[in-house]
């Protein structure tokens, strides 16, 4: 029996390593999500003037890792038919990883995310935000539910899940607990992220129409002309930063000036992106540009927040 155990162990290790490629095949977005969680935690701690601990920072980073793994792998499991057209190089459609191994990764990531959320949440709002983030992430892709395959419910679910994750991390920080306008700043950050992501996310659907249609899905890009999707994207690149500027001035306090300056910088970046997608729409056919068009400014905003808290 001992000999048999030794002979099967390497195969088990290889199977686990192969299953984990369902996360590492998107290592760029995984790293960015972890850094996003850490940036939000640092911003909330510095802006609120409270103590930051290594335990909480590690917990926020791990929550980002597990939540991203849950979202991406579950989505890949349910979208394998569409990905055979849109992304045939990924582990499931290429056949490198059996789908049953993907379910092991989903279960492990869900358990890890729940554990991190239970350790991090210190308020009813934070607990609700963590729970909503995980619930919406599952509803977006779960077999038999698949809200992500609907042209309207899909984007709303994805964006709401993203914003709930942002609010969950910020709720663990001194900024949320601080007297005065701390909670208003948290909600302003969530609102800006919601508006930007919701309006620019349809841009990525332009290149995935064929695969989505083959799998019975629908998207806004199937219902609006290309010019309409581009118009939404242009609005998403400009309007949220105007909201950030106006909101920061209205809330006031020490963060008003740095957040207003950040809004001006991102507004300039948004104007460049708006020009590119309007005048050079062929760029959206490239996977990396399409990824940046959807998430680039959103992440730049969040990565810049710690610097705004120091200004």
C-alpha atoms as a PDB file:
ATOM      1  CA  UNK A   1       0.000   0.000   0.000  1.00  0.00           C
ATOM      2  CA  UNK A   2       2.851   2.414   0.833  1.00  0.00           C
ATOM      3  CA  UNK A   3       4.364   1.777  -2.588  1.00  0.00           C
ATOM      4  CA  UNK A   4       1.060   2.575  -4.256  1.00  0.00           C
ATOM      5  CA  UNK A   5       0.748   5.847  -2.323  1.00  0.00           C
ATOM      6  CA  UNK A   6       4.235   6.916  -3.373  1.00  0.00           C
ATOM      7  CA  UNK A   7       3.501   6.147  -7.007  1.00  0.00           C
ATOM      8  CA  UNK A   8       0.262   8.115  -7.134  1.00  0.00           C
ATOM      9  CA  UNK A   9       1.501  11.157  -5.209  1.00  0.00           C
ATOM     10  CA  UNK A  10       3.440  12.703  -8.111  1.00  0.00           C
ATOM     11  CA  UNK A  11       0.387  12.319 -10.353  1.00  0.00           C
ATOM     12  CA  UNK A  12      -1.757  14.086  -7.741  1.00  0.00           C
ATOM     13  CA  UNK A  13       0.734  16.927  -7.506  1.00  0.00           C
ATOM     14  CA  UNK A  14       0.822  17.278 -11.282  1.00  0.00           C
ATOM     15  CA  UNK A  15      -2.983  17.293 -11.415  1.00  0.00           C
ATOM     16  CA  UNK A  16      -3.117  20.043  -8.786  1.00  0.00           C
ATOM     17  CA  UNK A  17      -0.477  22.097 -10.573  1.00  0.00           C
ATOM     18  CA  UNK A  18      -2.322  21.695 -13.856  1.00  0.00           C
ATOM     19  CA  UNK A  19      -5.613  22.721 -12.247  1.00  0.00           C
ATOM     20  CA  UNK A  20      -4.013  25.870 -10.846  1.00  0.00           C
ATOM     21  CA  UNK A  21      -3.135  26.978 -14.372  1.00  0.00           C
ATOM     22  CA  UNK A  22      -6.814  27.974 -14.613  1.00  0.00           C
ATOM     23  CA  UNK A  23      -5.788  30.907 -12.404  1.00  0.00           C
ATOM     24  CA  UNK A  24      -2.212  31.455 -13.529  1.00  0.00           C
ATOM     25  CA  UNK A  25      -3.203  31.628 -17.207  1.00  0.00           C
ATOM     26  CA  UNK A  26      -4.515  35.060 -16.220  1.00  0.00           C
ATOM     27  CA  UNK A  27      -1.601  35.896 -13.973  1.00  0.00           C
ATOM     28  CA  UNK A  28      -1.631  39.564 -15.014  1.00  0.00           C
ATOM     29  CA  UNK A  29      -5.192  40.234 -13.856  1.00  0.00           C
ATOM     30  CA  UNK A  30      -4.662  38.082 -10.754  1.00  0.00           C
ATOM     31  CA  UNK A  31      -1.629  40.132  -9.707  1.00  0.00           C
ATOM     32  CA  UNK A  32      -3.488  43.366 -10.445  1.00  0.00           C
ATOM     33  CA  UNK A  33      -6.504  42.317  -8.351  1.00  0.00           C
ATOM     34  CA  UNK A  34      -4.267  41.485  -5.377  1.00  0.00           C
ATOM     35  CA  UNK A  35      -2.488  44.843  -5.722  1.00  0.00           C
ATOM     36  CA  UNK A  36      -5.865  46.560  -6.038  1.00  0.00           C
ATOM     37  CA  UNK A  37      -6.995  45.124  -2.713  1.00  0.00           C
ATOM     38  CA  UNK A  38      -3.770  46.220  -1.047  1.00  0.00           C
ATOM     39  CA  UNK A  39      -3.987  49.723  -2.557  1.00  0.00           C
ATOM     40  CA  UNK A  40      -7.534  50.173  -1.279  1.00  0.00           C
ATOM     41  CA  UNK A  41      -6.515  48.988   2.175  1.00  0.00           C
ATOM     42  CA  UNK A  42      -3.545  51.380   2.287  1.00  0.00           C
ATOM     43  CA  UNK A  43      -5.704  54.271   1.059  1.00  0.00           C
ATOM     44  CA  UNK A  44      -8.368  53.634   3.679  1.00  0.00           C
ATOM     45  CA  UNK A  45      -5.811  53.331   6.447  1.00  0.00           C
ATOM     46  CA  UNK A  46      -3.852  56.464   5.540  1.00  0.00           C
ATOM     47  CA  UNK A  47      -6.896  58.596   4.750  1.00  0.00           C
ATOM     48  CA  UNK A  48      -8.545  57.579   8.012  1.00  0.00           C
ATOM     49  CA  UNK A  49      -5.424  58.163  10.085  1.00  0.00           C
ATOM     50  CA  UNK A  50      -5.693  54.751  11.706  1.00  0.00           C
ATOM     51  CA  UNK A  51      -3.274  51.900  12.271  1.00  0.00           C
ATOM     52  CA  UNK A  52      -2.652  49.374   9.528  1.00  0.00           C
ATOM     53  CA  UNK A  53      -1.632  45.824  10.381  1.00  0.00           C
ATOM     54  CA  UNK A  54       0.239  43.223   8.365  1.00  0.00           C
ATOM     55  CA  UNK A  55      -2.465  40.673   9.204  1.00  0.00           C
ATOM     56  CA  UNK A  56      -5.207  42.773   7.647  1.00  0.00           C
ATOM     57  CA  UNK A  57      -3.063  43.677   4.625  1.00  0.00           C
ATOM     58  CA  UNK A  58      -2.283  40.013   3.953  1.00  0.00           C
ATOM     59  CA  UNK A  59      -5.940  39.147   4.481  1.00  0.00           C
ATOM     60  CA  UNK A  60      -7.057  41.750   1.933  1.00  0.00           C
ATOM     61  CA  UNK A  61      -4.497  40.521  -0.595  1.00  0.00           C
ATOM     62  CA  UNK A  62      -5.527  36.899  -0.102  1.00  0.00           C
ATOM     63  CA  UNK A  63      -9.184  37.822  -0.395  1.00  0.00           C
ATOM     64  CA  UNK A  64      -8.435  39.453  -3.750  1.00  0.00           C
ATOM     65  CA  UNK A  65      -6.549  36.337  -4.864  1.00  0.00           C
ATOM     66  CA  UNK A  66      -9.259  33.879  -3.828  1.00  0.00           C
ATOM     67  CA  UNK A  67     -12.121  36.038  -5.118  1.00  0.00           C
ATOM     68  CA  UNK A  68     -10.431  36.463  -8.488  1.00  0.00           C
ATOM     69  CA  UNK A  69      -9.763  32.732  -8.696  1.00  0.00           C
ATOM     70  CA  UNK A  70     -13.390  31.969  -7.884  1.00  0.00           C
ATOM     71  CA  UNK A  71     -14.731  34.415 -10.482  1.00  0.00           C
ATOM     72  CA  UNK A  72     -12.393  33.533 -13.330  1.00  0.00           C
ATOM     73  CA  UNK A  73     -12.403  29.749 -13.010  1.00  0.00           C
ATOM     74  CA  UNK A  74     -16.167  29.472 -12.480  1.00  0.00           C
ATOM     75  CA  UNK A  75     -16.715  31.725 -15.479  1.00  0.00           C
ATOM     76  CA  UNK A  76     -14.363  29.608 -17.600  1.00  0.00           C
ATOM     77  CA  UNK A  77     -16.187  26.420 -16.620  1.00  0.00           C
ATOM     78  CA  UNK A  78     -19.576  27.724 -17.720  1.00  0.00           C
ATOM     79  CA  UNK A  79     -18.248  29.587 -20.775  1.00  0.00           C
ATOM     80  CA  UNK A  80     -16.154  26.755 -22.179  1.00  0.00           C
ATOM     81  CA  UNK A  81     -18.275  26.498 -25.340  1.00  0.00           C
ATOM     82  CA  UNK A  82     -17.976  30.219 -26.070  1.00  0.00           C
ATOM     83  CA  UNK A  83     -14.268  30.177 -25.245  1.00  0.00           C
ATOM     84  CA  UNK A  84     -13.667  27.518 -27.889  1.00  0.00           C
ATOM     85  CA  UNK A  85     -14.387  30.374 -30.298  1.00  0.00           C
ATOM     86  CA  UNK A  86     -13.277  33.448 -28.330  1.00  0.00           C
ATOM     87  CA  UNK A  87     -10.326  32.106 -26.315  1.00  0.00           C
ATOM     88  CA  UNK A  88      -9.348  28.606 -27.507  1.00  0.00           C
ATOM     89  CA  UNK A  89      -5.938  28.909 -25.828  1.00  0.00           C
ATOM     90  CA  UNK A  90      -7.368  28.824 -22.302  1.00  0.00           C
ATOM     91  CA  UNK A  91      -6.970  25.661 -20.174  1.00  0.00           C
ATOM     92  CA  UNK A  92     -10.516  24.264 -20.463  1.00  0.00           C
ATOM     93  CA  UNK A  93     -11.283  24.781 -24.173  1.00  0.00           C
ATOM     94  CA  UNK A  94      -7.769  23.654 -25.099  1.00  0.00           C
ATOM     95  CA  UNK A  95      -8.227  20.430 -23.124  1.00  0.00           C
ATOM     96  CA  UNK A  96      -5.168  20.976 -20.907  1.00  0.00           C
ATOM     97  CA  UNK A  97      -7.286  20.899 -17.740  1.00  0.00           C
ATOM     98  CA  UNK A  98     -10.342  18.668 -17.154  1.00  0.00           C
ATOM     99  CA  UNK A  99     -13.353  20.628 -15.976  1.00  0.00           C
ATOM    100  CA  UNK A 100     -13.685  18.429 -12.880  1.00  0.00           C
ATOM    101  CA  UNK A 101     -10.295  19.747 -11.730  1.00  0.00           C
ATOM    102  CA  UNK A 102     -11.603  23.270 -12.223  1.00  0.00           C
ATOM    103  CA  UNK A 103     -14.330  22.567  -9.681  1.00  0.00           C
ATOM    104  CA  UNK A 104     -11.659  21.732  -7.083  1.00  0.00           C
ATOM    105  CA  UNK A 105     -10.118  25.159  -7.666  1.00  0.00           C
ATOM    106  CA  UNK A 106     -13.537  26.847  -7.402  1.00  0.00           C
ATOM    107  CA  UNK A 107     -14.263  25.102  -4.101  1.00  0.00           C
ATOM    108  CA  UNK A 108     -10.874  25.974  -2.656  1.00  0.00           C
ATOM    109  CA  UNK A 109     -11.096  29.614  -3.723  1.00  0.00           C
ATOM    110  CA  UNK A 110     -14.621  29.974  -2.325  1.00  0.00           C
ATOM    111  CA  UNK A 111     -13.548  28.502   1.012  1.00  0.00           C
ATOM    112  CA  UNK A 112     -10.491  30.779   1.146  1.00  0.00           C
ATOM    113  CA  UNK A 113     -12.513  33.890   0.274  1.00  0.00           C
ATOM    114  CA  UNK A 114     -15.155  33.116   2.908  1.00  0.00           C
ATOM    115  CA  UNK A 115     -12.475  32.575   5.554  1.00  0.00           C
ATOM    116  CA  UNK A 116     -10.731  35.867   4.693  1.00  0.00           C
ATOM    117  CA  UNK A 117     -14.044  37.744   4.719  1.00  0.00           C
ATOM    118  CA  UNK A 118     -14.951  36.295   8.121  1.00  0.00           C
ATOM    119  CA  UNK A 119     -11.601  37.425   9.548  1.00  0.00           C
ATOM    120  CA  UNK A 120     -11.672  40.896   7.956  1.00  0.00           C
ATOM    121  CA  UNK A 121     -15.283  42.061   8.332  1.00  0.00           C
ATOM    122  CA  UNK A 122     -15.688  44.252  11.407  1.00  0.00           C
ATOM    123  CA  UNK A 123     -19.037  45.934  10.702  1.00  0.00           C
ATOM    124  CA  UNK A 124     -22.449  44.800   9.424  1.00  0.00           C
ATOM    125  CA  UNK A 125     -21.855  46.899   6.288  1.00  0.00           C
ATOM    126  CA  UNK A 126     -18.532  45.187   5.649  1.00  0.00           C
ATOM    127  CA  UNK A 127     -19.984  41.729   6.212  1.00  0.00           C
ATOM    128  CA  UNK A 128     -22.840  42.509   3.808  1.00  0.00           C
ATOM    129  CA  UNK A 129     -20.405  43.859   1.196  1.00  0.00           C
ATOM    130  CA  UNK A 130     -18.183  40.775   1.377  1.00  0.00           C
ATOM    131  CA  UNK A 131     -21.219  38.472   1.187  1.00  0.00           C
ATOM    132  CA  UNK A 132     -22.725  40.392  -1.743  1.00  0.00           C
ATOM    133  CA  UNK A 133     -19.422  40.311  -3.638  1.00  0.00           C
ATOM    134  CA  UNK A 134     -19.139  36.532  -3.358  1.00  0.00           C
ATOM    135  CA  UNK A 135     -22.839  35.893  -4.012  1.00  0.00           C
ATOM    136  CA  UNK A 136     -22.883  38.056  -7.142  1.00  0.00           C
ATOM    137  CA  UNK A 137     -19.643  36.473  -8.357  1.00  0.00           C
ATOM    138  CA  UNK A 138     -21.260  33.038  -8.146  1.00  0.00           C
ATOM    139  CA  UNK A 139     -24.551  34.161  -9.713  1.00  0.00           C
ATOM    140  CA  UNK A 140     -22.663  35.704 -12.626  1.00  0.00           C
ATOM    141  CA  UNK A 141     -21.329  32.329 -13.796  1.00  0.00           C
ATOM    142  CA  UNK A 142     -22.967  29.476 -11.896  1.00  0.00           C
ATOM    143  CA  UNK A 143     -24.353  26.705 -14.141  1.00  0.00           C
ATOM    144  CA  UNK A 144     -28.110  26.881 -14.353  1.00  0.00           C
ATOM    145  CA  UNK A 145     -28.073  30.568 -13.388  1.00  0.00           C
ATOM    146  CA  UNK A 146     -25.470  32.259 -15.593  1.00  0.00           C
ATOM    147  CA  UNK A 147     -26.575  35.843 -15.120  1.00  0.00           C
ATOM    148  CA  UNK A 148     -23.474  36.848 -17.041  1.00  0.00           C
ATOM    149  CA  UNK A 149     -24.988  35.528 -20.291  1.00  0.00           C
ATOM    150  CA  UNK A 150     -27.777  38.149 -20.235  1.00  0.00           C
ATOM    151  CA  UNK A 151     -27.171  41.409 -22.080  1.00  0.00           C
ATOM    152  CA  UNK A 152     -28.267  43.632 -19.161  1.00  0.00           C
ATOM    153  CA  UNK A 153     -28.220  41.500 -16.025  1.00  0.00           C
ATOM    154  CA  UNK A 154     -24.709  40.297 -16.848  1.00  0.00           C
ATOM    155  CA  UNK A 155     -22.928  43.682 -16.856  1.00  0.00           C
ATOM    156  CA  UNK A 156     -24.935  44.892 -13.858  1.00  0.00           C
ATOM    157  CA  UNK A 157     -24.028  41.777 -11.864  1.00  0.00           C
ATOM    158  CA  UNK A 158     -20.346  41.957 -12.765  1.00  0.00           C
ATOM    159  CA  UNK A 159     -20.049  45.653 -11.961  1.00  0.00           C
ATOM    160  CA  UNK A 160     -22.046  45.353  -8.734  1.00  0.00           C
ATOM    161  CA  UNK A 161     -19.812  42.465  -7.667  1.00  0.00           C
ATOM    162  CA  UNK A 162     -16.695  44.530  -8.371  1.00  0.00           C
ATOM    163  CA  UNK A 163     -17.962  47.533  -6.424  1.00  0.00           C
ATOM    164  CA  UNK A 164     -19.088  45.385  -3.484  1.00  0.00           C
ATOM    165  CA  UNK A 165     -15.548  44.005  -3.294  1.00  0.00           C
ATOM    166  CA  UNK A 166     -14.123  47.544  -3.269  1.00  0.00           C
ATOM    167  CA  UNK A 167     -16.533  48.652  -0.547  1.00  0.00           C
ATOM    168  CA  UNK A 168     -15.817  45.506   1.457  1.00  0.00           C
ATOM    169  CA  UNK A 169     -12.083  46.205   1.612  1.00  0.00           C
ATOM    170  CA  UNK A 170     -12.591  49.900   2.412  1.00  0.00           C
ATOM    171  CA  UNK A 171     -15.039  48.992   5.177  1.00  0.00           C
ATOM    172  CA  UNK A 172     -12.161  47.286   7.011  1.00  0.00           C
ATOM    173  CA  UNK A 173     -10.149  50.502   7.196  1.00  0.00           C
ATOM    174  CA  UNK A 174      -9.984  53.512   9.467  1.00  0.00           C
ATOM    175  CA  UNK A 175     -11.494  55.686   6.742  1.00  0.00           C
ATOM    176  CA  UNK A 176     -14.865  53.962   7.064  1.00  0.00           C
ATOM    177  CA  UNK A 177     -14.735  54.164  10.849  1.00  0.00           C
ATOM    178  CA  UNK A 178     -13.491  57.765  10.957  1.00  0.00           C
ATOM    179  CA  UNK A 179     -15.873  60.503  12.087  1.00  0.00           C
ATOM    180  CA  UNK A 180     -16.921  63.126   9.587  1.00  0.00           C
ATOM    181  CA  UNK A 181     -16.887  62.456   5.866  1.00  0.00           C
ATOM    182  CA  UNK A 182     -15.024  59.134   5.839  1.00  0.00           C
ATOM    183  CA  UNK A 183     -18.005  57.048   4.806  1.00  0.00           C
ATOM    184  CA  UNK A 184     -19.001  59.595   2.174  1.00  0.00           C
ATOM    185  CA  UNK A 185     -15.556  59.228   0.597  1.00  0.00           C
ATOM    186  CA  UNK A 186     -15.915  55.432   0.619  1.00  0.00           C
ATOM    187  CA  UNK A 187     -19.274  55.685  -1.134  1.00  0.00           C
ATOM    188  CA  UNK A 188     -17.904  58.242  -3.623  1.00  0.00           C
ATOM    189  CA  UNK A 189     -15.082  55.868  -4.592  1.00  0.00           C
ATOM    190  CA  UNK A 190     -17.624  53.079  -5.046  1.00  0.00           C
ATOM    191  CA  UNK A 191     -19.910  55.275  -7.166  1.00  0.00           C
ATOM    192  CA  UNK A 192     -17.089  56.396  -9.469  1.00  0.00           C
ATOM    193  CA  UNK A 193     -15.927  52.799  -9.980  1.00  0.00           C
ATOM    194  CA  UNK A 194     -19.509  51.701 -10.674  1.00  0.00           C
ATOM    195  CA  UNK A 195     -20.142  54.363 -13.311  1.00  0.00           C
ATOM    196  CA  UNK A 196     -16.831  53.904 -15.098  1.00  0.00           C
ATOM    197  CA  UNK A 197     -16.935  50.110 -15.198  1.00  0.00           C
ATOM    198  CA  UNK A 198     -20.604  49.885 -16.210  1.00  0.00           C
ATOM    199  CA  UNK A 199     -20.216  52.257 -19.149  1.00  0.00           C
ATOM    200  CA  UNK A 200     -16.944  50.922 -20.571  1.00  0.00           C
ATOM    201  CA  UNK A 201     -17.527  47.196 -20.034  1.00  0.00           C
ATOM    202  CA  UNK A 202     -19.612  46.779 -23.231  1.00  0.00           C
ATOM    203  CA  UNK A 203     -16.484  47.599 -25.258  1.00  0.00           C
ATOM    204  CA  UNK A 204     -15.059  44.143 -24.580  1.00  0.00           C
ATOM    205  CA  UNK A 205     -18.194  42.493 -25.978  1.00  0.00           C
ATOM    206  CA  UNK A 206     -17.495  43.870 -29.452  1.00  0.00           C
ATOM    207  CA  UNK A 207     -14.804  41.257 -30.107  1.00  0.00           C
ATOM    208  CA  UNK A 208     -16.710  38.375 -28.454  1.00  0.00           C
ATOM    209  CA  UNK A 209     -20.013  38.545 -30.343  1.00  0.00           C
ATOM    210  CA  UNK A 210     -19.417  35.371 -32.388  1.00  0.00           C
ATOM    211  CA  UNK A 211     -18.508  33.195 -29.426  1.00  0.00           C
ATOM    212  CA  UNK A 212     -21.317  34.544 -27.242  1.00  0.00           C
ATOM    213  CA  UNK A 213     -23.877  33.890 -29.970  1.00  0.00           C
ATOM    214  CA  UNK A 214     -22.571  30.332 -30.498  1.00  0.00           C
ATOM    215  CA  UNK A 215     -23.117  29.609 -26.786  1.00  0.00           C
ATOM    216  CA  UNK A 216     -26.607  31.102 -26.665  1.00  0.00           C
ATOM    217  CA  UNK A 217     -25.511  34.211 -24.799  1.00  0.00           C
ATOM    218  CA  UNK A 218     -26.440  37.795 -25.445  1.00  0.00           C
ATOM    219  CA  UNK A 219     -24.684  41.086 -24.926  1.00  0.00           C
ATOM    220  CA  UNK A 220     -25.328  44.774 -25.368  1.00  0.00           C
ATOM    221  CA  UNK A 221     -23.078  44.654 -28.433  1.00  0.00           C
ATOM    222  CA  UNK A 222     -25.703  42.412 -30.082  1.00  0.00           C
ATOM    223  CA  UNK A 223     -28.483  44.905 -29.385  1.00  0.00           C
ATOM    224  CA  UNK A 224     -26.877  48.265 -30.087  1.00  0.00           C
ATOM    225  CA  UNK A 225     -24.984  49.409 -33.162  1.00  0.00           C
ATOM    226  CA  UNK A 226     -21.228  49.623 -32.818  1.00  0.00           C
ATOM    227  CA  UNK A 227     -21.482  53.403 -32.671  1.00  0.00           C
ATOM    228  CA  UNK A 228     -23.773  53.117 -29.641  1.00  0.00           C
ATOM    229  CA  UNK A 229     -21.285  50.919 -27.772  1.00  0.00           C
ATOM    230  CA  UNK A 230     -18.489  53.354 -28.609  1.00  0.00           C
ATOM    231  CA  UNK A 231     -20.635  56.256 -27.345  1.00  0.00           C
ATOM    232  CA  UNK A 232     -21.193  54.462 -24.043  1.00  0.00           C
ATOM    233  CA  UNK A 233     -17.463  53.876 -23.731  1.00  0.00           C
ATOM    234  CA  UNK A 234     -16.641  57.517 -24.428  1.00  0.00           C
ATOM    235  CA  UNK A 235     -19.139  58.568 -21.748  1.00  0.00           C
ATOM    236  CA  UNK A 236     -17.574  56.109 -19.327  1.00  0.00           C
ATOM    237  CA  UNK A 237     -14.126  57.570 -19.941  1.00  0.00           C
ATOM    238  CA  UNK A 238     -15.233  61.119 -19.145  1.00  0.00           C
ATOM    239  CA  UNK A 239     -18.313  61.332 -16.900  1.00  0.00           C
ATOM    240  CA  UNK A 240     -17.091  59.413 -13.794  1.00  0.00           C
ATOM    241  CA  UNK A 241     -14.118  61.736 -13.296  1.00  0.00           C
ATOM    242  CA  UNK A 242     -16.437  64.735 -13.426  1.00  0.00           C
ATOM    243  CA  UNK A 243     -18.479  63.008 -10.701  1.00  0.00           C
ATOM    244  CA  UNK A 244     -15.291  62.427  -8.672  1.00  0.00           C
ATOM    245  CA  UNK A 245     -14.277  66.077  -8.999  1.00  0.00           C
ATOM    246  CA  UNK A 246     -17.709  67.401  -8.033  1.00  0.00           C
ATOM    247  CA  UNK A 247     -18.122  64.872  -5.232  1.00  0.00           C
ATOM    248  CA  UNK A 248     -14.724  65.629  -3.717  1.00  0.00           C
ATOM    249  CA  UNK A 249     -15.439  69.369  -3.701  1.00  0.00           C
ATOM    250  CA  UNK A 250     -18.870  68.788  -2.175  1.00  0.00           C
ATOM    251  CA  UNK A 251     -17.608  66.476   0.593  1.00  0.00           C
ATOM    252  CA  UNK A 252     -14.665  68.738   1.379  1.00  0.00           C
ATOM    253  CA  UNK A 253     -12.061  67.910   4.004  1.00  0.00           C
ATOM    254  CA  UNK A 254      -8.406  67.051   3.583  1.00  0.00           C
ATOM    255  CA  UNK A 255      -9.065  64.740   0.628  1.00  0.00           C
ATOM    256  CA  UNK A 256     -10.922  67.306  -1.482  1.00  0.00           C
ATOM    257  CA  UNK A 257      -7.872  68.791  -3.187  1.00  0.00           C
ATOM    258  CA  UNK A 258      -5.939  65.555  -3.930  1.00  0.00           C
ATOM    259  CA  UNK A 259      -9.076  63.745  -5.151  1.00  0.00           C
ATOM    260  CA  UNK A 260      -9.942  66.723  -7.364  1.00  0.00           C
ATOM    261  CA  UNK A 261      -6.421  66.679  -8.828  1.00  0.00           C
ATOM    262  CA  UNK A 262      -6.693  62.927  -9.384  1.00  0.00           C
ATOM    263  CA  UNK A 263     -10.032  63.463 -11.144  1.00  0.00           C
ATOM    264  CA  UNK A 264      -8.397  65.998 -13.486  1.00  0.00           C
ATOM    265  CA  UNK A 265      -5.529  63.627 -14.326  1.00  0.00           C
ATOM    266  CA  UNK A 266      -7.829  60.684 -14.978  1.00  0.00           C
ATOM    267  CA  UNK A 267     -10.131  62.919 -16.988  1.00  0.00           C
ATOM    268  CA  UNK A 268      -7.189  63.703 -19.260  1.00  0.00           C
ATOM    269  CA  UNK A 269      -6.376  60.005 -19.537  1.00  0.00           C
ATOM    270  CA  UNK A 270     -10.024  59.278 -20.218  1.00  0.00           C
ATOM    271  CA  UNK A 271     -10.042  61.842 -23.018  1.00  0.00           C
ATOM    272  CA  UNK A 272      -7.125  60.024 -24.653  1.00  0.00           C
ATOM    273  CA  UNK A 273      -8.892  56.670 -24.343  1.00  0.00           C
ATOM    274  CA  UNK A 274     -12.118  58.164 -25.680  1.00  0.00           C
ATOM    275  CA  UNK A 275     -10.260  59.470 -28.731  1.00  0.00           C
ATOM    276  CA  UNK A 276      -8.593  56.109 -29.337  1.00  0.00           C
ATOM    277  CA  UNK A 277     -11.771  53.999 -29.189  1.00  0.00           C
ATOM    278  CA  UNK A 278     -13.698  56.556 -31.273  1.00  0.00           C
ATOM    279  CA  UNK A 279     -11.038  57.170 -33.915  1.00  0.00           C
ATOM    280  CA  UNK A 280      -9.134  53.870 -33.826  1.00  0.00           C
ATOM    281  CA  UNK A 281     -11.807  51.273 -32.971  1.00  0.00           C
ATOM    282  CA  UNK A 282      -9.758  48.505 -34.627  1.00  0.00           C
ATOM    283  CA  UNK A 283      -7.533  48.615 -31.534  1.00  0.00           C
ATOM    284  CA  UNK A 284     -10.341  46.913 -29.612  1.00  0.00           C
ATOM    285  CA  UNK A 285      -9.695  43.729 -31.605  1.00  0.00           C
ATOM    286  CA  UNK A 286      -6.417  43.298 -29.724  1.00  0.00           C
ATOM    287  CA  UNK A 287      -6.835  41.382 -26.468  1.00  0.00           C
ATOM    288  CA  UNK A 288      -4.416  43.457 -24.406  1.00  0.00           C
ATOM    289  CA  UNK A 289      -5.767  46.818 -25.573  1.00  0.00           C
ATOM    290  CA  UNK A 290      -9.317  45.570 -25.038  1.00  0.00           C
ATOM    291  CA  UNK A 291      -8.381  44.539 -21.492  1.00  0.00           C
ATOM    292  CA  UNK A 292      -6.879  47.963 -20.785  1.00  0.00           C
ATOM    293  CA  UNK A 293      -9.857  49.696 -22.384  1.00  0.00           C
ATOM    294  CA  UNK A 294     -12.150  47.890 -19.951  1.00  0.00           C
ATOM    295  CA  UNK A 295     -10.107  47.970 -16.730  1.00  0.00           C
ATOM    296  CA  UNK A 296      -7.034  50.166 -17.199  1.00  0.00           C
ATOM    297  CA  UNK A 297      -8.320  53.483 -15.869  1.00  0.00           C
ATOM    298  CA  UNK A 298     -10.316  51.725 -13.151  1.00  0.00           C
ATOM    299  CA  UNK A 299      -7.160  50.171 -11.740  1.00  0.00           C
ATOM    300  CA  UNK A 300      -5.098  53.328 -12.234  1.00  0.00           C
ATOM    301  CA  UNK A 301      -7.687  55.196 -10.170  1.00  0.00           C
ATOM    302  CA  UNK A 302      -7.457  52.726  -7.315  1.00  0.00           C
ATOM    303  CA  UNK A 303      -3.651  52.449  -7.452  1.00  0.00           C
ATOM    304  CA  UNK A 304      -3.446  56.245  -7.225  1.00  0.00           C
ATOM    305  CA  UNK A 305      -5.638  56.530  -4.150  1.00  0.00           C
ATOM    306  CA  UNK A 306      -2.857  55.889  -1.590  1.00  0.00           C
ATOM    307  CA  UNK A 307      -0.871  58.773  -3.081  1.00  0.00           C
ATOM    308  CA  UNK A 308      -3.954  60.998  -2.818  1.00  0.00           C
ATOM    309  CA  UNK A 309      -4.208  60.125   0.874  1.00  0.00           C
ATOM    310  CA  UNK A 310      -0.615  61.307   1.420  1.00  0.00           C
ATOM    311  CA  UNK A 311      -0.965  64.610  -0.444  1.00  0.00           C
END
